[in-house]
mmCIF file of all heavy atoms, coordinates in Angstrom:
data_MODEL
# 
_entry.id   MODEL 
# 
loop_
_atom_site.group_PDB 
_atom_site.id 
_atom_site.type_symbol 
_atom_site.label_atom_id 
_atom_site.label_alt_id 
_atom_site.label_comp_id 
_atom_site.label_asym_id 
_atom_site.label_entity_id 
_atom_site.label_seq_id 
_atom_site.pdbx_PDB_ins_code 
_atom_site.Cartn_x 
_atom_site.Cartn_y 
_atom_site.Cartn_z 
_atom_site.occupancy 
_atom_site.B_iso_or_equiv 
_atom_site.pdbx_formal_charge 
_atom_site.auth_seq_id 
_atom_site.auth_comp_id 
_atom_site.auth_asym_id 
_atom_site.auth_atom_id 
_atom_site.pdbx_PDB_model_num 
ATOM 1   N N   . GLY A 1 1  ? -133.341 117.203 -8.214  1.00 0.00 ? 1  GLY A N   1 
ATOM 2   C CA  . GLY A 1 1  ? -131.928 117.551 -8.513  1.00 0.00 ? 1  GLY A CA  1 
ATOM 3   C C   . GLY A 1 1  ? -131.029 116.393 -8.341  1.00 0.00 ? 1  GLY A C   1 
ATOM 4   O O   . GLY A 1 1  ? -130.085 116.233 -9.123  1.00 0.00 ? 1  GLY A O   1 
ATOM 5   N N   . ILE A 1 2  ? -131.334 115.655 -7.333  1.00 0.00 ? 2  ILE A N   1 
ATOM 6   C CA  . ILE A 1 2  ? -130.490 114.409 -7.079  1.00 0.00 ? 2  ILE A CA  1 
ATOM 7   C C   . ILE A 1 2  ? -130.604 113.452 -8.224  1.00 0.00 ? 2  ILE A C   1 
ATOM 8   O O   . ILE A 1 2  ? -129.633 112.878 -8.752  1.00 0.00 ? 2  ILE A O   1 
ATOM 9   C CB  . ILE A 1 2  ? -130.855 113.757 -5.762  1.00 0.00 ? 2  ILE A CB  1 
ATOM 10  C CG1 . ILE A 1 2  ? -130.449 114.682 -4.606  1.00 0.00 ? 2  ILE A CG1 1 
ATOM 11  C CG2 . ILE A 1 2  ? -130.230 112.406 -5.616  1.00 0.00 ? 2  ILE A CG2 1 
ATOM 12  C CD1 . ILE A 1 2  ? -131.056 114.180 -3.268  1.00 0.00 ? 2  ILE A CD1 1 
ATOM 13  N N   . GLU A 1 3  ? -131.866 113.225 -8.602  1.00 0.00 ? 3  GLU A N   1 
ATOM 14  C CA  . GLU A 1 3  ? -132.147 112.181 -9.710  1.00 0.00 ? 3  GLU A CA  1 
ATOM 15  C C   . GLU A 1 3  ? -131.456 112.722 -10.969 1.00 0.00 ? 3  GLU A C   1 
ATOM 16  O O   . GLU A 1 3  ? -130.873 111.777 -11.662 1.00 0.00 ? 3  GLU A O   1 
ATOM 17  C CB  . GLU A 1 3  ? -133.651 112.074 -9.888  1.00 0.00 ? 3  GLU A CB  1 
ATOM 18  C CG  . GLU A 1 3  ? -133.977 110.883 -10.765 1.00 0.00 ? 3  GLU A CG  1 
ATOM 19  C CD  . GLU A 1 3  ? -135.529 110.628 -10.669 1.00 0.00 ? 3  GLU A CD  1 
ATOM 20  O OE1 . GLU A 1 3  ? -136.089 110.617 -9.530  1.00 0.00 ? 3  GLU A OE1 1 
ATOM 21  O OE2 . GLU A 1 3  ? -136.118 110.457 -11.704 1.00 0.00 ? 3  GLU A OE2 1 
ATOM 22  N N   . ALA A 1 4  ? -131.557 113.935 -11.322 1.00 0.00 ? 4  ALA A N   1 
ATOM 23  C CA  . ALA A 1 4  ? -130.831 114.375 -12.503 1.00 0.00 ? 4  ALA A CA  1 
ATOM 24  C C   . ALA A 1 4  ? -129.363 114.294 -12.394 1.00 0.00 ? 4  ALA A C   1 
ATOM 25  O O   . ALA A 1 4  ? -128.690 113.860 -13.344 1.00 0.00 ? 4  ALA A O   1 
ATOM 26  C CB  . ALA A 1 4  ? -131.253 115.901 -12.777 1.00 0.00 ? 4  ALA A CB  1 
ATOM 27  N N   . SER A 1 5  ? -128.839 114.637 -11.299 1.00 0.00 ? 5  SER A N   1 
ATOM 28  C CA  . SER A 1 5  ? -127.380 114.541 -11.047 1.00 0.00 ? 5  SER A CA  1 
ATOM 29  C C   . SER A 1 5  ? -126.856 113.064 -11.111 1.00 0.00 ? 5  SER A C   1 
ATOM 30  O O   . SER A 1 5  ? -125.790 112.869 -11.636 1.00 0.00 ? 5  SER A O   1 
ATOM 31  C CB  . SER A 1 5  ? -127.083 115.160 -9.659  1.00 0.00 ? 5  SER A CB  1 
ATOM 32  O OG  . SER A 1 5  ? -127.391 116.626 -9.651  1.00 0.00 ? 5  SER A OG  1 
ATOM 33  N N   . LEU A 1 6  ? -127.586 112.200 -10.613 1.00 0.00 ? 6  LEU A N   1 
ATOM 34  C CA  . LEU A 1 6  ? -127.154 110.755 -10.662 1.00 0.00 ? 6  LEU A CA  1 
ATOM 35  C C   . LEU A 1 6  ? -127.149 110.263 -11.987 1.00 0.00 ? 6  LEU A C   1 
ATOM 36  O O   . LEU A 1 6  ? -126.280 109.450 -12.420 1.00 0.00 ? 6  LEU A O   1 
ATOM 37  C CB  . LEU A 1 6  ? -128.097 109.855 -9.798  1.00 0.00 ? 6  LEU A CB  1 
ATOM 38  C CG  . LEU A 1 6  ? -128.046 110.139 -8.259  1.00 0.00 ? 6  LEU A CG  1 
ATOM 39  C CD1 . LEU A 1 6  ? -129.156 109.257 -7.502  1.00 0.00 ? 6  LEU A CD1 1 
ATOM 40  C CD2 . LEU A 1 6  ? -126.610 109.761 -7.797  1.00 0.00 ? 6  LEU A CD2 1 
ATOM 41  N N   . GLU A 1 7  ? -128.084 110.746 -12.896 1.00 0.00 ? 7  GLU A N   1 
ATOM 42  C CA  . GLU A 1 7  ? -127.957 110.426 -14.296 1.00 0.00 ? 7  GLU A CA  1 
ATOM 43  C C   . GLU A 1 7  ? -126.775 110.986 -15.000 1.00 0.00 ? 7  GLU A C   1 
ATOM 44  O O   . GLU A 1 7  ? -126.052 110.299 -15.761 1.00 0.00 ? 7  GLU A O   1 
ATOM 45  C CB  . GLU A 1 7  ? -129.263 110.793 -15.032 1.00 0.00 ? 7  GLU A CB  1 
ATOM 46  C CG  . GLU A 1 7  ? -130.571 110.134 -14.568 1.00 0.00 ? 7  GLU A CG  1 
ATOM 47  C CD  . GLU A 1 7  ? -131.754 110.592 -15.303 1.00 0.00 ? 7  GLU A CD  1 
ATOM 48  O OE1 . GLU A 1 7  ? -131.596 111.339 -16.288 1.00 0.00 ? 7  GLU A OE1 1 
ATOM 49  O OE2 . GLU A 1 7  ? -132.896 110.261 -14.842 1.00 0.00 ? 7  GLU A OE2 1 
ATOM 50  N N   . LEU A 1 8  ? -126.422 112.180 -14.637 1.00 0.00 ? 8  LEU A N   1 
ATOM 51  C CA  . LEU A 1 8  ? -125.222 112.841 -15.233 1.00 0.00 ? 8  LEU A CA  1 
ATOM 52  C C   . LEU A 1 8  ? -124.040 112.221 -14.713 1.00 0.00 ? 8  LEU A C   1 
ATOM 53  O O   . LEU A 1 8  ? -122.921 112.158 -15.461 1.00 0.00 ? 8  LEU A O   1 
ATOM 54  C CB  . LEU A 1 8  ? -125.269 114.363 -14.858 1.00 0.00 ? 8  LEU A CB  1 
ATOM 55  C CG  . LEU A 1 8  ? -126.369 115.203 -15.610 1.00 0.00 ? 8  LEU A CG  1 
ATOM 56  C CD1 . LEU A 1 8  ? -126.509 116.619 -15.016 1.00 0.00 ? 8  LEU A CD1 1 
ATOM 57  C CD2 . LEU A 1 8  ? -126.133 115.234 -17.051 1.00 0.00 ? 8  LEU A CD2 1 
ATOM 58  N N   . ALA A 1 9  ? -123.972 111.738 -13.507 1.00 0.00 ? 9  ALA A N   1 
ATOM 59  C CA  . ALA A 1 9  ? -122.692 111.068 -12.932 1.00 0.00 ? 9  ALA A CA  1 
ATOM 60  C C   . ALA A 1 9  ? -122.261 109.843 -13.691 1.00 0.00 ? 9  ALA A C   1 
ATOM 61  O O   . ALA A 1 9  ? -121.166 109.466 -13.688 1.00 0.00 ? 9  ALA A O   1 
ATOM 62  C CB  . ALA A 1 9  ? -122.976 110.747 -11.457 1.00 0.00 ? 9  ALA A CB  1 
ATOM 63  N N   . LYS A 1 10 ? -123.201 109.304 -14.499 1.00 0.00 ? 10 LYS A N   1 
ATOM 64  C CA  . LYS A 1 10 ? -122.872 108.173 -15.342 1.00 0.00 ? 10 LYS A CA  1 
ATOM 65  C C   . LYS A 1 10 ? -122.155 108.558 -16.599 1.00 0.00 ? 10 LYS A C   1 
ATOM 66  O O   . LYS A 1 10 ? -121.507 107.828 -17.203 1.00 0.00 ? 10 LYS A O   1 
ATOM 67  C CB  . LYS A 1 10 ? -124.149 107.341 -15.773 1.00 0.00 ? 10 LYS A CB  1 
ATOM 68  C CG  . LYS A 1 10 ? -124.956 106.850 -14.589 1.00 0.00 ? 10 LYS A CG  1 
ATOM 69  C CD  . LYS A 1 10 ? -126.262 106.316 -15.116 1.00 0.00 ? 10 LYS A CD  1 
ATOM 70  C CE  . LYS A 1 10 ? -127.173 105.814 -13.879 1.00 0.00 ? 10 LYS A CE  1 
ATOM 71  N NZ  . LYS A 1 10 ? -128.379 105.336 -14.376 1.00 0.00 ? 10 LYS A NZ  1 
ATOM 72  N N   . GLU A 1 11 ? -122.139 109.905 -16.891 1.00 0.00 ? 11 GLU A N   1 
ATOM 73  C CA  . GLU A 1 11 ? -121.588 110.383 -18.146 1.00 0.00 ? 11 GLU A CA  1 
ATOM 74  C C   . GLU A 1 11 ? -120.370 111.358 -17.889 1.00 0.00 ? 11 GLU A C   1 
ATOM 75  O O   . GLU A 1 11 ? -119.526 111.419 -18.910 1.00 0.00 ? 11 GLU A O   1 
ATOM 76  C CB  . GLU A 1 11 ? -122.592 111.164 -18.926 1.00 0.00 ? 11 GLU A CB  1 
ATOM 77  C CG  . GLU A 1 11 ? -123.865 110.401 -19.217 1.00 0.00 ? 11 GLU A CG  1 
ATOM 78  C CD  . GLU A 1 11 ? -124.915 111.273 -20.025 1.00 0.00 ? 11 GLU A CD  1 
ATOM 79  O OE1 . GLU A 1 11 ? -124.454 112.129 -20.705 1.00 0.00 ? 11 GLU A OE1 1 
ATOM 80  O OE2 . GLU A 1 11 ? -126.076 111.188 -19.734 1.00 0.00 ? 11 GLU A OE2 1 
ATOM 81  N N   . VAL A 1 12 ? -120.259 111.943 -16.753 1.00 0.00 ? 12 VAL A N   1 
ATOM 82  C CA  . VAL A 1 12 ? -119.184 112.985 -16.561 1.00 0.00 ? 12 VAL A CA  1 
ATOM 83  C C   . VAL A 1 12 ? -118.296 112.485 -15.364 1.00 0.00 ? 12 VAL A C   1 
ATOM 84  O O   . VAL A 1 12 ? -118.828 112.191 -14.283 1.00 0.00 ? 12 VAL A O   1 
ATOM 85  C CB  . VAL A 1 12 ? -119.859 114.274 -16.316 1.00 0.00 ? 12 VAL A CB  1 
ATOM 86  C CG1 . VAL A 1 12 ? -118.686 115.349 -16.161 1.00 0.00 ? 12 VAL A CG1 1 
ATOM 87  C CG2 . VAL A 1 12 ? -120.721 114.679 -17.380 1.00 0.00 ? 12 VAL A CG2 1 
ATOM 88  N N   . ARG A 1 13 ? -117.014 112.662 -15.526 1.00 0.00 ? 13 ARG A N   1 
ATOM 89  C CA  . ARG A 1 13 ? -116.135 112.387 -14.323 1.00 0.00 ? 13 ARG A CA  1 
ATOM 90  C C   . ARG A 1 13 ? -115.946 113.691 -13.550 1.00 0.00 ? 13 ARG A C   1 
ATOM 91  O O   . ARG A 1 13 ? -115.940 114.770 -14.182 1.00 0.00 ? 13 ARG A O   1 
ATOM 92  C CB  . ARG A 1 13 ? -114.735 111.922 -14.854 1.00 0.00 ? 13 ARG A CB  1 
ATOM 93  C CG  . ARG A 1 13 ? -114.688 110.603 -15.441 1.00 0.00 ? 13 ARG A CG  1 
ATOM 94  C CD  . ARG A 1 13 ? -113.425 110.205 -16.059 1.00 0.00 ? 13 ARG A CD  1 
ATOM 95  N NE  . ARG A 1 13 ? -112.332 110.349 -15.163 1.00 0.00 ? 13 ARG A NE  1 
ATOM 96  C CZ  . ARG A 1 13 ? -111.281 111.189 -15.275 1.00 0.00 ? 13 ARG A CZ  1 
ATOM 97  N NH1 . ARG A 1 13 ? -111.263 112.030 -16.238 1.00 0.00 ? 13 ARG A NH1 1 
ATOM 98  N NH2 . ARG A 1 13 ? -110.290 111.216 -14.350 1.00 0.00 ? 13 ARG A NH2 1 
ATOM 99  N N   . VAL A 1 14 ? -115.972 113.546 -12.242 1.00 0.00 ? 14 VAL A N   1 
ATOM 100 C CA  . VAL A 1 14 ? -115.899 114.827 -11.364 1.00 0.00 ? 14 VAL A CA  1 
ATOM 101 C C   . VAL A 1 14 ? -114.694 115.625 -11.677 1.00 0.00 ? 14 VAL A C   1 
ATOM 102 O O   . VAL A 1 14 ? -114.828 116.876 -11.693 1.00 0.00 ? 14 VAL A O   1 
ATOM 103 C CB  . VAL A 1 14 ? -115.949 114.317 -9.905  1.00 0.00 ? 14 VAL A CB  1 
ATOM 104 C CG1 . VAL A 1 14 ? -115.673 115.547 -9.018  1.00 0.00 ? 14 VAL A CG1 1 
ATOM 105 C CG2 . VAL A 1 14 ? -117.176 113.714 -9.521  1.00 0.00 ? 14 VAL A CG2 1 
ATOM 106 N N   . ALA A 1 15 ? -113.573 115.033 -11.931 1.00 0.00 ? 15 ALA A N   1 
ATOM 107 C CA  . ALA A 1 15 ? -112.365 115.730 -12.310 1.00 0.00 ? 15 ALA A CA  1 
ATOM 108 C C   . ALA A 1 15 ? -112.501 116.632 -13.511 1.00 0.00 ? 15 ALA A C   1 
ATOM 109 O O   . ALA A 1 15 ? -111.750 117.631 -13.740 1.00 0.00 ? 15 ALA A O   1 
ATOM 110 C CB  . ALA A 1 15 ? -111.183 114.821 -12.437 1.00 0.00 ? 15 ALA A CB  1 
ATOM 111 N N   . GLU A 1 16 ? -113.466 116.401 -14.403 1.00 0.00 ? 16 GLU A N   1 
ATOM 112 C CA  . GLU A 1 16 ? -113.686 117.099 -15.624 1.00 0.00 ? 16 GLU A CA  1 
ATOM 113 C C   . GLU A 1 16 ? -114.671 118.293 -15.435 1.00 0.00 ? 16 GLU A C   1 
ATOM 114 O O   . GLU A 1 16 ? -114.748 119.144 -16.326 1.00 0.00 ? 16 GLU A O   1 
ATOM 115 C CB  . GLU A 1 16 ? -114.201 116.197 -16.737 1.00 0.00 ? 16 GLU A CB  1 
ATOM 116 C CG  . GLU A 1 16 ? -113.253 115.055 -16.978 1.00 0.00 ? 16 GLU A CG  1 
ATOM 117 C CD  . GLU A 1 16 ? -113.935 114.077 -18.031 1.00 0.00 ? 16 GLU A CD  1 
ATOM 118 O OE1 . GLU A 1 16 ? -115.145 114.234 -18.204 1.00 0.00 ? 16 GLU A OE1 1 
ATOM 119 O OE2 . GLU A 1 16 ? -113.189 113.191 -18.566 1.00 0.00 ? 16 GLU A OE2 1 
ATOM 120 N N   . ILE A 1 17 ? -115.349 118.334 -14.281 1.00 0.00 ? 17 ILE A N   1 
ATOM 121 C CA  . ILE A 1 17 ? -116.428 119.392 -14.054 1.00 0.00 ? 17 ILE A CA  1 
ATOM 122 C C   . ILE A 1 17 ? -115.766 120.785 -13.908 1.00 0.00 ? 17 ILE A C   1 
ATOM 123 O O   . ILE A 1 17 ? -114.957 120.958 -12.953 1.00 0.00 ? 17 ILE A O   1 
ATOM 124 C CB  . ILE A 1 17 ? -117.301 119.039 -12.846 1.00 0.00 ? 17 ILE A CB  1 
ATOM 125 C CG1 . ILE A 1 17 ? -117.999 117.743 -13.171 1.00 0.00 ? 17 ILE A CG1 1 
ATOM 126 C CG2 . ILE A 1 17 ? -118.265 120.159 -12.605 1.00 0.00 ? 17 ILE A CG2 1 
ATOM 127 C CD1 . ILE A 1 17 ? -118.863 117.167 -12.009 1.00 0.00 ? 17 ILE A CD1 1 
ATOM 128 N N   . GLU A 1 18 ? -116.179 121.687 -14.783 1.00 0.00 ? 18 GLU A N   1 
ATOM 129 C CA  . GLU A 1 18 ? -115.782 123.165 -14.587 1.00 0.00 ? 18 GLU A CA  1 
ATOM 130 C C   . GLU A 1 18 ? -116.731 123.892 -13.813 1.00 0.00 ? 18 GLU A C   1 
ATOM 131 O O   . GLU A 1 18 ? -116.532 124.635 -12.860 1.00 0.00 ? 18 GLU A O   1 
ATOM 132 C CB  . GLU A 1 18 ? -115.649 123.778 -15.985 1.00 0.00 ? 18 GLU A CB  1 
ATOM 133 C CG  . GLU A 1 18 ? -115.226 125.192 -15.965 1.00 0.00 ? 18 GLU A CG  1 
ATOM 134 C CD  . GLU A 1 18 ? -113.874 125.443 -15.546 1.00 0.00 ? 18 GLU A CD  1 
ATOM 135 O OE1 . GLU A 1 18 ? -113.042 124.565 -15.818 1.00 0.00 ? 18 GLU A OE1 1 
ATOM 136 O OE2 . GLU A 1 18 ? -113.534 126.515 -14.875 1.00 0.00 ? 18 GLU A OE2 1 
ATOM 137 N N   . GLU A 1 19 ? -118.082 123.631 -13.999 1.00 0.00 ? 19 GLU A N   1 
ATOM 138 C CA  . GLU A 1 19 ? -119.177 124.296 -13.408 1.00 0.00 ? 19 GLU A CA  1 
ATOM 139 C C   . GLU A 1 19 ? -120.464 123.524 -13.417 1.00 0.00 ? 19 GLU A C   1 
ATOM 140 O O   . GLU A 1 19 ? -120.661 122.751 -14.388 1.00 0.00 ? 19 GLU A O   1 
ATOM 141 C CB  . GLU A 1 19 ? -119.411 125.763 -13.810 1.00 0.00 ? 19 GLU A CB  1 
ATOM 142 C CG  . GLU A 1 19 ? -119.815 125.808 -15.156 1.00 0.00 ? 19 GLU A CG  1 
ATOM 143 C CD  . GLU A 1 19 ? -120.103 127.364 -15.533 1.00 0.00 ? 19 GLU A CD  1 
ATOM 144 O OE1 . GLU A 1 19 ? -119.364 128.195 -14.999 1.00 0.00 ? 19 GLU A OE1 1 
ATOM 145 O OE2 . GLU A 1 19 ? -120.950 127.618 -16.440 1.00 0.00 ? 19 GLU A OE2 1 
ATOM 146 N N   . VAL A 1 20 ? -121.282 123.631 -12.432 1.00 0.00 ? 20 VAL A N   1 
ATOM 147 C CA  . VAL A 1 20 ? -122.640 122.949 -12.372 1.00 0.00 ? 20 VAL A CA  1 
ATOM 148 C C   . VAL A 1 20 ? -123.650 124.113 -12.263 1.00 0.00 ? 20 VAL A C   1 
ATOM 149 O O   . VAL A 1 20 ? -123.589 124.950 -11.294 1.00 0.00 ? 20 VAL A O   1 
ATOM 150 C CB  . VAL A 1 20 ? -122.764 122.083 -11.210 1.00 0.00 ? 20 VAL A CB  1 
ATOM 151 C CG1 . VAL A 1 20 ? -124.146 121.323 -11.286 1.00 0.00 ? 20 VAL A CG1 1 
ATOM 152 C CG2 . VAL A 1 20 ? -121.620 120.956 -11.346 1.00 0.00 ? 20 VAL A CG2 1 
ATOM 153 N N   . ASN A 1 21 ? -124.552 124.156 -13.238 1.00 0.00 ? 21 ASN A N   1 
ATOM 154 C CA  . ASN A 1 21 ? -125.682 125.189 -13.146 1.00 0.00 ? 21 ASN A CA  1 
ATOM 155 C C   . ASN A 1 21 ? -127.019 124.517 -12.863 1.00 0.00 ? 21 ASN A C   1 
ATOM 156 O O   . ASN A 1 21 ? -127.364 123.617 -13.699 1.00 0.00 ? 21 ASN A O   1 
ATOM 157 C CB  . ASN A 1 21 ? -125.663 126.042 -14.576 1.00 0.00 ? 21 ASN A CB  1 
ATOM 158 C CG  . ASN A 1 21 ? -124.377 126.796 -14.715 1.00 0.00 ? 21 ASN A CG  1 
ATOM 159 O OD1 . ASN A 1 21 ? -123.980 127.594 -13.854 1.00 0.00 ? 21 ASN A OD1 1 
ATOM 160 N ND2 . ASN A 1 21 ? -123.722 126.616 -15.837 1.00 0.00 ? 21 ASN A ND2 1 
ATOM 161 N N   . ILE A 1 22 ? -127.700 125.007 -11.918 1.00 0.00 ? 22 ILE A N   1 
ATOM 162 C CA  . ILE A 1 22 ? -129.000 124.380 -11.599 1.00 0.00 ? 22 ILE A CA  1 
ATOM 163 C C   . ILE A 1 22 ? -129.989 125.445 -11.759 1.00 0.00 ? 22 ILE A C   1 
ATOM 164 O O   . ILE A 1 22 ? -129.928 126.616 -11.267 1.00 0.00 ? 22 ILE A O   1 
ATOM 165 C CB  . ILE A 1 22 ? -128.906 123.955 -10.070 1.00 0.00 ? 22 ILE A CB  1 
ATOM 166 C CG1 . ILE A 1 22 ? -127.844 122.876 -9.896  1.00 0.00 ? 22 ILE A CG1 1 
ATOM 167 C CG2 . ILE A 1 22 ? -130.279 123.303 -9.803  1.00 0.00 ? 22 ILE A CG2 1 
ATOM 168 C CD1 . ILE A 1 22 ? -127.727 122.462 -8.476  1.00 0.00 ? 22 ILE A CD1 1 
ATOM 169 N N   . GLU A 1 23 ? -131.044 125.049 -12.374 1.00 0.00 ? 23 GLU A N   1 
ATOM 170 C CA  . GLU A 1 23 ? -132.314 125.969 -12.560 1.00 0.00 ? 23 GLU A CA  1 
ATOM 171 C C   . GLU A 1 23 ? -133.451 125.207 -11.903 1.00 0.00 ? 23 GLU A C   1 
ATOM 172 O O   . GLU A 1 23 ? -133.741 124.032 -12.222 1.00 0.00 ? 23 GLU A O   1 
ATOM 173 C CB  . GLU A 1 23 ? -132.579 126.300 -13.997 1.00 0.00 ? 23 GLU A CB  1 
ATOM 174 C CG  . GLU A 1 23 ? -131.582 127.240 -14.671 1.00 0.00 ? 23 GLU A CG  1 
ATOM 175 C CD  . GLU A 1 23 ? -132.033 127.665 -16.055 1.00 0.00 ? 23 GLU A CD  1 
ATOM 176 O OE1 . GLU A 1 23 ? -133.227 127.395 -16.417 1.00 0.00 ? 23 GLU A OE1 1 
ATOM 177 O OE2 . GLU A 1 23 ? -131.228 128.191 -16.756 1.00 0.00 ? 23 GLU A OE2 1 
ATOM 178 N N   . THR A 1 24 ? -134.125 125.961 -11.098 1.00 0.00 ? 24 THR A N   1 
ATOM 179 C CA  . THR A 1 24 ? -135.272 125.347 -10.401 1.00 0.00 ? 24 THR A CA  1 
ATOM 180 C C   . THR A 1 24 ? -136.331 126.376 -9.976  1.00 0.00 ? 24 THR A C   1 
ATOM 181 O O   . THR A 1 24 ? -136.188 127.578 -10.301 1.00 0.00 ? 24 THR A O   1 
ATOM 182 C CB  . THR A 1 24 ? -134.828 124.456 -9.159  1.00 0.00 ? 24 THR A CB  1 
ATOM 183 O OG1 . THR A 1 24 ? -135.865 123.706 -8.689  1.00 0.00 ? 24 THR A OG1 1 
ATOM 184 C CG2 . THR A 1 24 ? -134.210 125.357 -8.134  1.00 0.00 ? 24 THR A CG2 1 
# 
């Protein structure tokens, strides 16, 4: 989950996040 999130952090600004959905 951390690895996936770090990849996404390069594309999305935190201020723009509406929701985060995790499936595991």
